[in-house]
Amino acid sequence: MVAMEFNTTFMRDFTIAEQFGTAAVQDTYDRVFQQWHDDYRYLTDLVIVLNRKLWGHWEVNPDSSFTALYNELWSTANDYALDNLKGPQLAYFIDAVD
């Protein structure tokens, strides 16, 4: 199992974006994904952060716009990782998100 120590500031970035609403969260995701989707460690961080944000908002209000957005973003990033990572990078991803 990969020890979960983030390689990025994504958790903080999304927390800051939340203060400005769902459009800011979407913008943060778009910028992060565009810049880092080809780095398997950063992509792994992104998927884990999105999952944690999703569950955090779901626990407070399952019907909130943040819950719905984080669910969509997590699903998109997770599917991208599963479809595009291969070999040791995929193993790293699966081990980290498991």
PDB file of N, CA and C in Angstrom:
ATOM      1  N   MET A   1       0.840  -1.183   0.000  1.00  0.00           N
ATOM      2  CA  MET A   1       0.000   0.000   0.000  1.00  0.00           C
ATOM      3  C   MET A   1       0.884   1.245   0.000  1.00  0.00           C
ATOM      4  N   VAL A   2       0.516   2.203  -0.809  1.00  0.00           N
ATOM      5  CA  VAL A   2       1.240   3.465  -0.896  1.00  0.00           C
ATOM      6  C   VAL A   2       0.834   4.342   0.286  1.00  0.00           C
ATOM      7  N   ALA A   3       1.817   4.857   1.009  1.00  0.00           N
ATOM      8  CA  ALA A   3       1.503   5.780   2.109  1.00  0.00           C
ATOM      9  C   ALA A   3       0.912   7.051   1.513  1.00  0.00           C
ATOM     10  N   MET A   4      -0.166   7.546   2.104  1.00  0.00           N
ATOM     11  CA  MET A   4      -0.840   8.700   1.512  1.00  0.00           C
ATOM     12  C   MET A   4      -0.243   9.978   2.020  1.00  0.00           C
ATOM     13  N   GLU A   5       0.703  10.441   1.278  1.00  0.00           N
ATOM     14  CA  GLU A   5       1.300  11.750   1.509  1.00  0.00           C
ATOM     15  C   GLU A   5       1.172  12.480   0.181  1.00  0.00           C
ATOM     16  N   PHE A   6       0.421  13.557   0.172  1.00  0.00           N
ATOM     17  CA  PHE A   6       0.165  14.262  -1.079  1.00  0.00           C
ATOM     18  C   PHE A   6       1.426  14.859  -1.671  1.00  0.00           C
ATOM     19  N   ASN A   7       1.497  14.794  -2.989  1.00  0.00           N
ATOM     20  CA  ASN A   7       2.587  15.400  -3.748  1.00  0.00           C
ATOM     21  C   ASN A   7       2.224  16.817  -4.191  1.00  0.00           C
ATOM     22  N   THR A   8       1.029  17.248  -3.874  1.00  0.00           N
ATOM     23  CA  THR A   8       0.479  18.492  -4.420  1.00  0.00           C
ATOM     24  C   THR A   8      -0.188  19.334  -3.340  1.00  0.00           C
ATOM     25  N   THR A   9      -0.658  20.502  -3.760  1.00  0.00           N
ATOM     26  CA  THR A   9      -1.450  21.370  -2.887  1.00  0.00           C
ATOM     27  C   THR A   9      -2.926  21.327  -3.280  1.00  0.00           C
ATOM     28  N   PHE A  10      -3.347  20.283  -3.967  1.00  0.00           N
ATOM     29  CA  PHE A  10      -4.706  20.230  -4.506  1.00  0.00           C
ATOM     30  C   PHE A  10      -5.782  20.356  -3.431  1.00  0.00           C
ATOM     31  N   MET A  11      -5.604  19.741  -2.283  1.00  0.00           N
ATOM     32  CA  MET A  11      -6.614  19.832  -1.223  1.00  0.00           C
ATOM     33  C   MET A  11      -6.810  21.297  -0.829  1.00  0.00           C
ATOM     34  N   ARG A  12      -5.724  21.980  -0.621  1.00  0.00           N
ATOM     35  CA  ARG A  12      -5.807  23.396  -0.257  1.00  0.00           C
ATOM     36  C   ARG A  12      -6.394  24.222  -1.401  1.00  0.00           C
ATOM     37  N   ASP A  13      -5.994  23.928  -2.628  1.00  0.00           N
ATOM     38  CA  ASP A  13      -6.497  24.659  -3.789  1.00  0.00           C
ATOM     39  C   ASP A  13      -8.015  24.551  -3.903  1.00  0.00           C
ATOM     40  N   PHE A  14      -8.548  23.339  -3.741  1.00  0.00           N
ATOM     41  CA  PHE A  14     -10.003  23.160  -3.833  1.00  0.00           C
ATOM     42  C   PHE A  14     -10.716  23.775  -2.635  1.00  0.00           C
ATOM     43  N   THR A  15     -10.110  23.720  -1.467  1.00  0.00           N
ATOM     44  CA  THR A  15     -10.713  24.340  -0.286  1.00  0.00           C
ATOM     45  C   THR A  15     -10.835  25.848  -0.485  1.00  0.00           C
ATOM     46  N   ILE A  16      -9.812  26.454  -1.032  1.00  0.00           N
ATOM     47  CA  ILE A  16      -9.869  27.890  -1.322  1.00  0.00           C
ATOM     48  C   ILE A  16     -10.932  28.172  -2.377  1.00  0.00           C
ATOM     49  N   ALA A  17     -10.960  27.370  -3.427  1.00  0.00           N
ATOM     50  CA  ALA A  17     -11.928  27.578  -4.509  1.00  0.00           C
ATOM     51  C   ALA A  17     -13.365  27.503  -4.000  1.00  0.00           C
ATOM     52  N   GLU A  18     -13.627  26.637  -3.034  1.00  0.00           N
ATOM     53  CA  GLU A  18     -14.980  26.487  -2.496  1.00  0.00           C
ATOM     54  C   GLU A  18     -15.508  27.802  -1.936  1.00  0.00           C
ATOM     55  N   GLN A  19     -14.619  28.644  -1.454  1.00  0.00           N
ATOM     56  CA  GLN A  19     -15.055  29.924  -0.891  1.00  0.00           C
ATOM     57  C   GLN A  19     -15.676  30.827  -1.954  1.00  0.00           C
ATOM     58  N   PHE A  20     -15.429  30.511  -3.216  1.00  0.00           N
ATOM     59  CA  PHE A  20     -15.927  31.319  -4.325  1.00  0.00           C
ATOM     60  C   PHE A  20     -17.004  30.618  -5.138  1.00  0.00           C
ATOM     61  N   GLY A  21     -17.429  29.428  -4.680  1.00  0.00           N
ATOM     62  CA  GLY A  21     -18.544  28.737  -5.310  1.00  0.00           C
ATOM     63  C   GLY A  21     -18.139  27.619  -6.258  1.00  0.00           C
ATOM     64  N   THR A  22     -19.157  26.989  -6.809  1.00  0.00           N
ATOM     65  CA  THR A  22     -18.929  25.820  -7.657  1.00  0.00           C
ATOM     66  C   THR A  22     -18.213  26.165  -8.958  1.00  0.00           C
ATOM     67  N   ALA A  23     -18.441  27.360  -9.499  1.00  0.00           N
ATOM     68  CA  ALA A  23     -17.737  27.750 -10.730  1.00  0.00           C
ATOM     69  C   ALA A  23     -16.231  27.803 -10.491  1.00  0.00           C
ATOM     70  N   ALA A  24     -15.815  28.269  -9.325  1.00  0.00           N
ATOM     71  CA  ALA A  24     -14.396  28.325  -8.993  1.00  0.00           C
ATOM     72  C   ALA A  24     -13.819  26.919  -8.810  1.00  0.00           C
ATOM     73  N   VAL A  25     -14.604  26.030  -8.227  1.00  0.00           N
ATOM     74  CA  VAL A  25     -14.168  24.640  -8.084  1.00  0.00           C
ATOM     75  C   VAL A  25     -13.992  24.016  -9.473  1.00  0.00           C
ATOM     76  N   GLN A  26     -14.947  24.239 -10.351  1.00  0.00           N
ATOM     77  CA  GLN A  26     -14.851  23.713 -11.715  1.00  0.00           C
ATOM     78  C   GLN A  26     -13.617  24.281 -12.421  1.00  0.00           C
ATOM     79  N   ASP A  27     -13.383  25.562 -12.275  1.00  0.00           N
ATOM     80  CA  ASP A  27     -12.227  26.204 -12.900  1.00  0.00           C
ATOM     81  C   ASP A  27     -10.924  25.623 -12.350  1.00  0.00           C
ATOM     82  N   THR A  28     -10.871  25.410 -11.052  1.00  0.00           N
ATOM     83  CA  THR A  28      -9.679  24.822 -10.437  1.00  0.00           C
ATOM     84  C   THR A  28      -9.442  23.425 -10.997  1.00  0.00           C
ATOM     85  N   TYR A  29     -10.497  22.633 -11.075  1.00  0.00           N
ATOM     86  CA  TYR A  29     -10.372  21.292 -11.653  1.00  0.00           C
ATOM     87  C   TYR A  29      -9.871  21.366 -13.093  1.00  0.00           C
ATOM     88  N   ASP A  30     -10.470  22.223 -13.893  1.00  0.00           N
ATOM     89  CA  ASP A  30     -10.087  22.322 -15.309  1.00  0.00           C
ATOM     90  C   ASP A  30      -8.605  22.651 -15.452  1.00  0.00           C
ATOM     91  N   ARG A  31      -8.133  23.605 -14.663  1.00  0.00           N
ATOM     92  CA  ARG A  31      -6.725  23.999 -14.741  1.00  0.00           C
ATOM     93  C   ARG A  31      -5.808  22.885 -14.252  1.00  0.00           C
ATOM     94  N   VAL A  32      -6.160  22.278 -13.120  1.00  0.00           N
ATOM     95  CA  VAL A  32      -5.335  21.203 -12.559  1.00  0.00           C
ATOM     96  C   VAL A  32      -5.295  20.015 -13.515  1.00  0.00           C
ATOM     97  N   PHE A  33      -6.457  19.606 -13.999  1.00  0.00           N
ATOM     98  CA  PHE A  33      -6.494  18.438 -14.875  1.00  0.00           C
ATOM     99  C   PHE A  33      -5.712  18.689 -16.162  1.00  0.00           C
ATOM    100  N   GLN A  34      -5.901  19.843 -16.764  1.00  0.00           N
ATOM    101  CA  GLN A  34      -5.203  20.146 -18.012  1.00  0.00           C
ATOM    102  C   GLN A  34      -3.687  20.104 -17.812  1.00  0.00           C
ATOM    103  N   GLN A  35      -3.232  20.662 -16.707  1.00  0.00           N
ATOM    104  CA  GLN A  35      -1.799  20.743 -16.483  1.00  0.00           C
ATOM    105  C   GLN A  35      -1.181  19.433 -16.026  1.00  0.00           C
ATOM    106  N   TRP A  36      -1.922  18.612 -15.267  1.00  0.00           N
ATOM    107  CA  TRP A  36      -1.298  17.481 -14.586  1.00  0.00           C
ATOM    108  C   TRP A  36      -1.847  16.110 -14.944  1.00  0.00           C
ATOM    109  N   HIS A  37      -2.769  15.991 -15.897  1.00  0.00           N
ATOM    110  CA  HIS A  37      -3.369  14.688 -16.180  1.00  0.00           C
ATOM    111  C   HIS A  37      -2.361  13.648 -16.661  1.00  0.00           C
ATOM    112  N   ASP A  38      -1.215  14.079 -17.158  1.00  0.00           N
ATOM    113  CA  ASP A  38      -0.234  13.114 -17.653  1.00  0.00           C
ATOM    114  C   ASP A  38       0.841  12.755 -16.615  1.00  0.00           C
ATOM    115  N   ASP A  39       0.713  13.263 -15.406  1.00  0.00           N
ATOM    116  CA  ASP A  39       1.604  12.901 -14.302  1.00  0.00           C
ATOM    117  C   ASP A  39       0.820  11.985 -13.365  1.00  0.00           C
ATOM    118  N   TYR A  40       1.156  10.697 -13.376  1.00  0.00           N
ATOM    119  CA  TYR A  40       0.332   9.722 -12.651  1.00  0.00           C
ATOM    120  C   TYR A  40       0.269   9.987 -11.156  1.00  0.00           C
ATOM    121  N   ARG A  41       1.316  10.523 -10.557  1.00  0.00           N
ATOM    122  CA  ARG A  41       1.266  10.817  -9.116  1.00  0.00           C
ATOM    123  C   ARG A  41       0.319  11.984  -8.831  1.00  0.00           C
ATOM    124  N   TYR A  42       0.408  13.009  -9.653  1.00  0.00           N
ATOM    125  CA  TYR A  42      -0.478  14.159  -9.462  1.00  0.00           C
ATOM    126  C   TYR A  42      -1.914  13.795  -9.807  1.00  0.00           C
ATOM    127  N   LEU A  43      -2.102  12.991 -10.826  1.00  0.00           N
ATOM    128  CA  LEU A  43      -3.450  12.522 -11.168  1.00  0.00           C
ATOM    129  C   LEU A  43      -4.024  11.705 -10.008  1.00  0.00           C
ATOM    130  N   THR A  44      -3.206  10.880  -9.407  1.00  0.00           N
ATOM    131  CA  THR A  44      -3.643  10.100  -8.241  1.00  0.00           C
ATOM    132  C   THR A  44      -4.047  11.027  -7.106  1.00  0.00           C
ATOM    133  N   ASP A  45      -3.227  12.025  -6.819  1.00  0.00           N
ATOM    134  CA  ASP A  45      -3.582  13.014  -5.788  1.00  0.00           C
ATOM    135  C   ASP A  45      -4.919  13.665  -6.109  1.00  0.00           C
ATOM    136  N   LEU A  46      -5.096  14.057  -7.358  1.00  0.00           N
ATOM    137  CA  LEU A  46      -6.333  14.725  -7.764  1.00  0.00           C
ATOM    138  C   LEU A  46      -7.539  13.840  -7.490  1.00  0.00           C
ATOM    139  N   VAL A  47      -7.477  12.587  -7.875  1.00  0.00           N
ATOM    140  CA  VAL A  47      -8.611  11.674  -7.671  1.00  0.00           C
ATOM    141  C   VAL A  47      -8.890  11.493  -6.184  1.00  0.00           C
ATOM    142  N   ILE A  48      -7.864  11.348  -5.380  1.00  0.00           N
ATOM    143  CA  ILE A  48      -8.060  11.170  -3.937  1.00  0.00           C
ATOM    144  C   ILE A  48      -8.651  12.432  -3.309  1.00  0.00           C
ATOM    145  N   VAL A  49      -8.140  13.589  -3.683  1.00  0.00           N
ATOM    146  CA  VAL A  49      -8.669  14.851  -3.149  1.00  0.00           C
ATOM    147  C   VAL A  49     -10.131  15.018  -3.538  1.00  0.00           C
ATOM    148  N   LEU A  50     -10.454  14.760  -4.791  1.00  0.00           N
ATOM    149  CA  LEU A  50     -11.849  14.888  -5.229  1.00  0.00           C
ATOM    150  C   LEU A  50     -12.751  13.931  -4.466  1.00  0.00           C
ATOM    151  N   ASN A  51     -12.272  12.724  -4.211  1.00  0.00           N
ATOM    152  CA  ASN A  51     -13.061  11.756  -3.455  1.00  0.00           C
ATOM    153  C   ASN A  51     -13.277  12.225  -2.018  1.00  0.00           C
ATOM    154  N   ARG A  52     -12.233  12.735  -1.401  1.00  0.00           N
ATOM    155  CA  ARG A  52     -12.363  13.234  -0.020  1.00  0.00           C
ATOM    156  C   ARG A  52     -13.302  14.434   0.051  1.00  0.00           C
ATOM    157  N   LYS A  53     -13.189  15.319  -0.927  1.00  0.00           N
ATOM    158  CA  LYS A  53     -14.084  16.475  -0.971  1.00  0.00           C
ATOM    159  C   LYS A  53     -15.526  16.025  -1.188  1.00  0.00           C
ATOM    160  N   LEU A  54     -15.725  15.076  -2.075  1.00  0.00           N
ATOM    161  CA  LEU A  54     -17.062  14.534  -2.328  1.00  0.00           C
ATOM    162  C   LEU A  54     -17.662  13.988  -1.040  1.00  0.00           C
ATOM    163  N   TRP A  55     -16.940  13.139  -0.343  1.00  0.00           N
ATOM    164  CA  TRP A  55     -17.478  12.540   0.871  1.00  0.00           C
ATOM    165  C   TRP A  55     -17.675  13.572   1.979  1.00  0.00           C
ATOM    166  N   GLY A  56     -16.778  14.531   2.063  1.00  0.00           N
ATOM    167  CA  GLY A  56     -16.936  15.582   3.073  1.00  0.00           C
ATOM    168  C   GLY A  56     -18.216  16.374   2.870  1.00  0.00           C
ATOM    169  N   HIS A  57     -18.495  16.732   1.641  1.00  0.00           N
ATOM    170  CA  HIS A  57     -19.725  17.478   1.361  1.00  0.00           C
ATOM    171  C   HIS A  57     -20.954  16.582   1.472  1.00  0.00           C
ATOM    172  N   TRP A  58     -20.835  15.338   1.053  1.00  0.00           N
ATOM    173  CA  TRP A  58     -21.965  14.409   1.128  1.00  0.00           C
ATOM    174  C   TRP A  58     -22.386  14.197   2.585  1.00  0.00           C
ATOM    175  N   GLU A  59     -21.414  14.097   3.482  1.00  0.00           N
ATOM    176  CA  GLU A  59     -21.745  13.895   4.897  1.00  0.00           C
ATOM    177  C   GLU A  59     -22.519  15.070   5.479  1.00  0.00           C
ATOM    178  N   VAL A  60     -22.248  16.280   5.004  1.00  0.00           N
ATOM    179  CA  VAL A  60     -22.926  17.477   5.496  1.00  0.00           C
ATOM    180  C   VAL A  60     -24.264  17.672   4.790  1.00  0.00           C
ATOM    181  N   ASN A  61     -24.268  17.518   3.469  1.00  0.00           N
ATOM    182  CA  ASN A  61     -25.482  17.733   2.683  1.00  0.00           C
ATOM    183  C   ASN A  61     -25.384  16.959   1.370  1.00  0.00           C
ATOM    184  N   PRO A  62     -25.964  15.752   1.338  1.00  0.00           N
ATOM    185  CA  PRO A  62     -25.870  14.921   0.140  1.00  0.00           C
ATOM    186  C   PRO A  62     -26.456  15.569  -1.112  1.00  0.00           C
ATOM    187  N   ASP A  63     -27.325  16.530  -0.942  1.00  0.00           N
ATOM    188  CA  ASP A  63     -27.996  17.161  -2.076  1.00  0.00           C
ATOM    189  C   ASP A  63     -27.386  18.505  -2.476  1.00  0.00           C
ATOM    190  N   SER A  64     -26.232  18.845  -1.919  1.00  0.00           N
ATOM    191  CA  SER A  64     -25.640  20.155  -2.217  1.00  0.00           C
ATOM    192  C   SER A  64     -25.037  20.182  -3.623  1.00  0.00           C
ATOM    193  N   SER A  65     -24.880  21.383  -4.130  1.00  0.00           N
ATOM    194  CA  SER A  65     -24.264  21.548  -5.453  1.00  0.00           C
ATOM    195  C   SER A  65     -22.795  21.130  -5.415  1.00  0.00           C
ATOM    196  N   PHE A  66     -22.117  21.298  -4.284  1.00  0.00           N
ATOM    197  CA  PHE A  66     -20.733  20.848  -4.169  1.00  0.00           C
ATOM    198  C   PHE A  66     -20.654  19.325  -4.227  1.00  0.00           C
ATOM    199  N   THR A  67     -21.578  18.642  -3.557  1.00  0.00           N
ATOM    200  CA  THR A  67     -21.593  17.181  -3.602  1.00  0.00           C
ATOM    201  C   THR A  67     -21.760  16.699  -5.035  1.00  0.00           C
ATOM    202  N   ALA A  68     -22.710  17.267  -5.743  1.00  0.00           N
ATOM    203  CA  ALA A  68     -22.960  16.856  -7.133  1.00  0.00           C
ATOM    204  C   ALA A  68     -21.747  17.149  -8.017  1.00  0.00           C
ATOM    205  N   LEU A  69     -21.157  18.327  -7.863  1.00  0.00           N
ATOM    206  CA  LEU A  69     -20.010  18.683  -8.686  1.00  0.00           C
ATOM    207  C   LEU A  69     -18.815  17.790  -8.385  1.00  0.00           C
ATOM    208  N   TYR A  70     -18.500  17.594  -7.120  1.00  0.00           N
ATOM    209  CA  TYR A  70     -17.358  16.746  -6.780  1.00  0.00           C
ATOM    210  C   TYR A  70     -17.588  15.308  -7.239  1.00  0.00           C
ATOM    211  N   ASN A  71     -18.814  14.834  -7.210  1.00  0.00           N
ATOM    212  CA  ASN A  71     -19.101  13.496  -7.708  1.00  0.00           C
ATOM    213  C   ASN A  71     -18.792  13.409  -9.202  1.00  0.00           C
ATOM    214  N   GLU A  72     -19.221  14.412  -9.950  1.00  0.00           N
ATOM    215  CA  GLU A  72     -18.960  14.435 -11.392  1.00  0.00           C
ATOM    216  C   GLU A  72     -17.460  14.535 -11.684  1.00  0.00           C
ATOM    217  N   LEU A  73     -16.769  15.426 -10.991  1.00  0.00           N
ATOM    218  CA  LEU A  73     -15.339  15.610 -11.221  1.00  0.00           C
ATOM    219  C   LEU A  73     -14.550  14.370 -10.831  1.00  0.00           C
ATOM    220  N   TRP A  74     -14.878  13.782  -9.684  1.00  0.00           N
ATOM    221  CA  TRP A  74     -14.197  12.560  -9.254  1.00  0.00           C
ATOM    222  C   TRP A  74     -14.399  11.451 -10.275  1.00  0.00           C
ATOM    223  N   SER A  75     -15.621  11.264 -10.720  1.00  0.00           N
ATOM    224  CA  SER A  75     -15.917  10.203 -11.682  1.00  0.00           C
ATOM    225  C   SER A  75     -15.127  10.394 -12.975  1.00  0.00           C
ATOM    226  N   THR A  76     -15.073  11.611 -13.464  1.00  0.00           N
ATOM    227  CA  THR A  76     -14.351  11.907 -14.699  1.00  0.00           C
ATOM    228  C   THR A  76     -12.855  11.627 -14.536  1.00  0.00           C
ATOM    229  N   ALA A  77     -12.259  12.132 -13.467  1.00  0.00           N
ATOM    230  CA  ALA A  77     -10.821  11.944 -13.249  1.00  0.00           C
ATOM    231  C   ALA A  77     -10.483  10.485 -12.978  1.00  0.00           C
ATOM    232  N   ASN A  78     -11.299   9.809 -12.188  1.00  0.00           N
ATOM    233  CA  ASN A  78     -11.080   8.404 -11.876  1.00  0.00           C
ATOM    234  C   ASN A  78     -11.160   7.554 -13.150  1.00  0.00           C
ATOM    235  N   ASP A  79     -12.183   7.784 -13.957  1.00  0.00           N
ATOM    236  CA  ASP A  79     -12.325   7.034 -15.215  1.00  0.00           C
ATOM    237  C   ASP A  79     -11.151   7.300 -16.143  1.00  0.00           C
ATOM    238  N   TYR A  80     -10.708   8.551 -16.204  1.00  0.00           N
ATOM    239  CA  TYR A  80      -9.550   8.881 -17.040  1.00  0.00           C
ATOM    240  C   TYR A  80      -8.333   8.078 -16.578  1.00  0.00           C
ATOM    241  N   ALA A  81      -8.090   8.059 -15.278  1.00  0.00           N
ATOM    242  CA  ALA A  81      -6.936   7.330 -14.750  1.00  0.00           C
ATOM    243  C   ALA A  81      -7.036   5.845 -15.083  1.00  0.00           C
ATOM    244  N   LEU A  82      -8.177   5.254 -14.854  1.00  0.00           N
ATOM    245  CA  LEU A  82      -8.342   3.823 -15.117  1.00  0.00           C
ATOM    246  C   LEU A  82      -8.218   3.488 -16.598  1.00  0.00           C
ATOM    247  N   ASP A  83      -8.627   4.400 -17.448  1.00  0.00           N
ATOM    248  CA  ASP A  83      -8.563   4.170 -18.891  1.00  0.00           C
ATOM    249  C   ASP A  83      -7.187   4.444 -19.483  1.00  0.00           C
ATOM    250  N   ASN A  84      -6.382   5.274 -18.836  1.00  0.00           N
ATOM    251  CA  ASN A  84      -5.144   5.732 -19.462  1.00  0.00           C
ATOM    252  C   ASN A  84      -3.853   5.314 -18.774  1.00  0.00           C
ATOM    253  N   LEU A  85      -3.901   5.027 -17.496  1.00  0.00           N
ATOM    254  CA  LEU A  85      -2.686   4.586 -16.822  1.00  0.00           C
ATOM    255  C   LEU A  85      -2.441   3.113 -17.124  1.00  0.00           C
ATOM    256  N   LYS A  86      -1.176   2.749 -17.251  1.00  0.00           N
ATOM    257  CA  LYS A  86      -0.790   1.375 -17.566  1.00  0.00           C
ATOM    258  C   LYS A  86       0.369   0.955 -16.665  1.00  0.00           C
ATOM    259  N   GLY A  87       0.537  -0.329 -16.522  1.00  0.00           N
ATOM    260  CA  GLY A  87       1.691  -0.889 -15.830  1.00  0.00           C
ATOM    261  C   GLY A  87       1.880  -0.373 -14.421  1.00  0.00           C
ATOM    262  N   PRO A  88       3.119   0.014 -14.085  1.00  0.00           N
ATOM    263  CA  PRO A  88       3.413   0.462 -12.717  1.00  0.00           C
ATOM    264  C   PRO A  88       2.633   1.709 -12.307  1.00  0.00           C
ATOM    265  N   GLN A  89       2.331   2.580 -13.269  1.00  0.00           N
ATOM    266  CA  GLN A  89       1.562   3.785 -12.941  1.00  0.00           C
ATOM    267  C   GLN A  89       0.143   3.417 -12.515  1.00  0.00           C
ATOM    268  N   LEU A  90      -0.470   2.472 -13.227  1.00  0.00           N
ATOM    269  CA  LEU A  90      -1.813   2.004 -12.853  1.00  0.00           C
ATOM    270  C   LEU A  90      -1.764   1.300 -11.503  1.00  0.00           C
ATOM    271  N   ALA A  91      -0.743   0.501 -11.273  1.00  0.00           N
ATOM    272  CA  ALA A  91      -0.597  -0.191  -9.985  1.00  0.00           C
ATOM    273  C   ALA A  91      -0.470   0.820  -8.850  1.00  0.00           C
ATOM    274  N   TYR A  92       0.314   1.876  -9.056  1.00  0.00           N
ATOM    275  CA  TYR A  92       0.459   2.928  -8.059  1.00  0.00           C
ATOM    276  C   TYR A  92      -0.908   3.561  -7.766  1.00  0.00           C
ATOM    277  N   PHE A  93      -1.629   3.902  -8.831  1.00  0.00           N
ATOM    278  CA  PHE A  93      -2.934   4.527  -8.684  1.00  0.00           C
ATOM    279  C   PHE A  93      -3.887   3.631  -7.896  1.00  0.00           C
ATOM    280  N   ILE A  94      -4.002   2.391  -8.307  1.00  0.00           N
ATOM    281  CA  ILE A  94      -4.938   1.466  -7.647  1.00  0.00           C
ATOM    282  C   ILE A  94      -4.553   1.257  -6.195  1.00  0.00           C
ATOM    283  N   ASP A  95      -3.279   1.110  -5.934  1.00  0.00           N
ATOM    284  CA  ASP A  95      -2.826   0.923  -4.550  1.00  0.00           C
ATOM    285  C   ASP A  95      -3.147   2.145  -3.695  1.00  0.00           C
ATOM    286  N   ALA A  96      -2.970   3.336  -4.263  1.00  0.00           N
ATOM    287  CA  ALA A  96      -3.193   4.570  -3.499  1.00  0.00           C
ATOM    288  C   ALA A  96      -4.666   4.830  -3.252  1.00  0.00           C
ATOM    289  N   VAL A  97      -5.513   4.549  -4.216  1.00  0.00           N
ATOM    290  CA  VAL A  97      -6.938   4.874  -4.053  1.00  0.00           C
ATOM    291  C   VAL A  97      -7.707   3.753  -3.365  1.00  0.00           C
ATOM    292  N   ASP A  98      -7.116   2.591  -3.235  1.00  0.00           N
ATOM    293  CA  ASP A  98      -7.798   1.455  -2.619  1.00  0.00           C
ATOM    294  C   ASP A  98      -7.946   1.645  -1.134  1.00  0.00           C
TER     295      ASP A  98
END
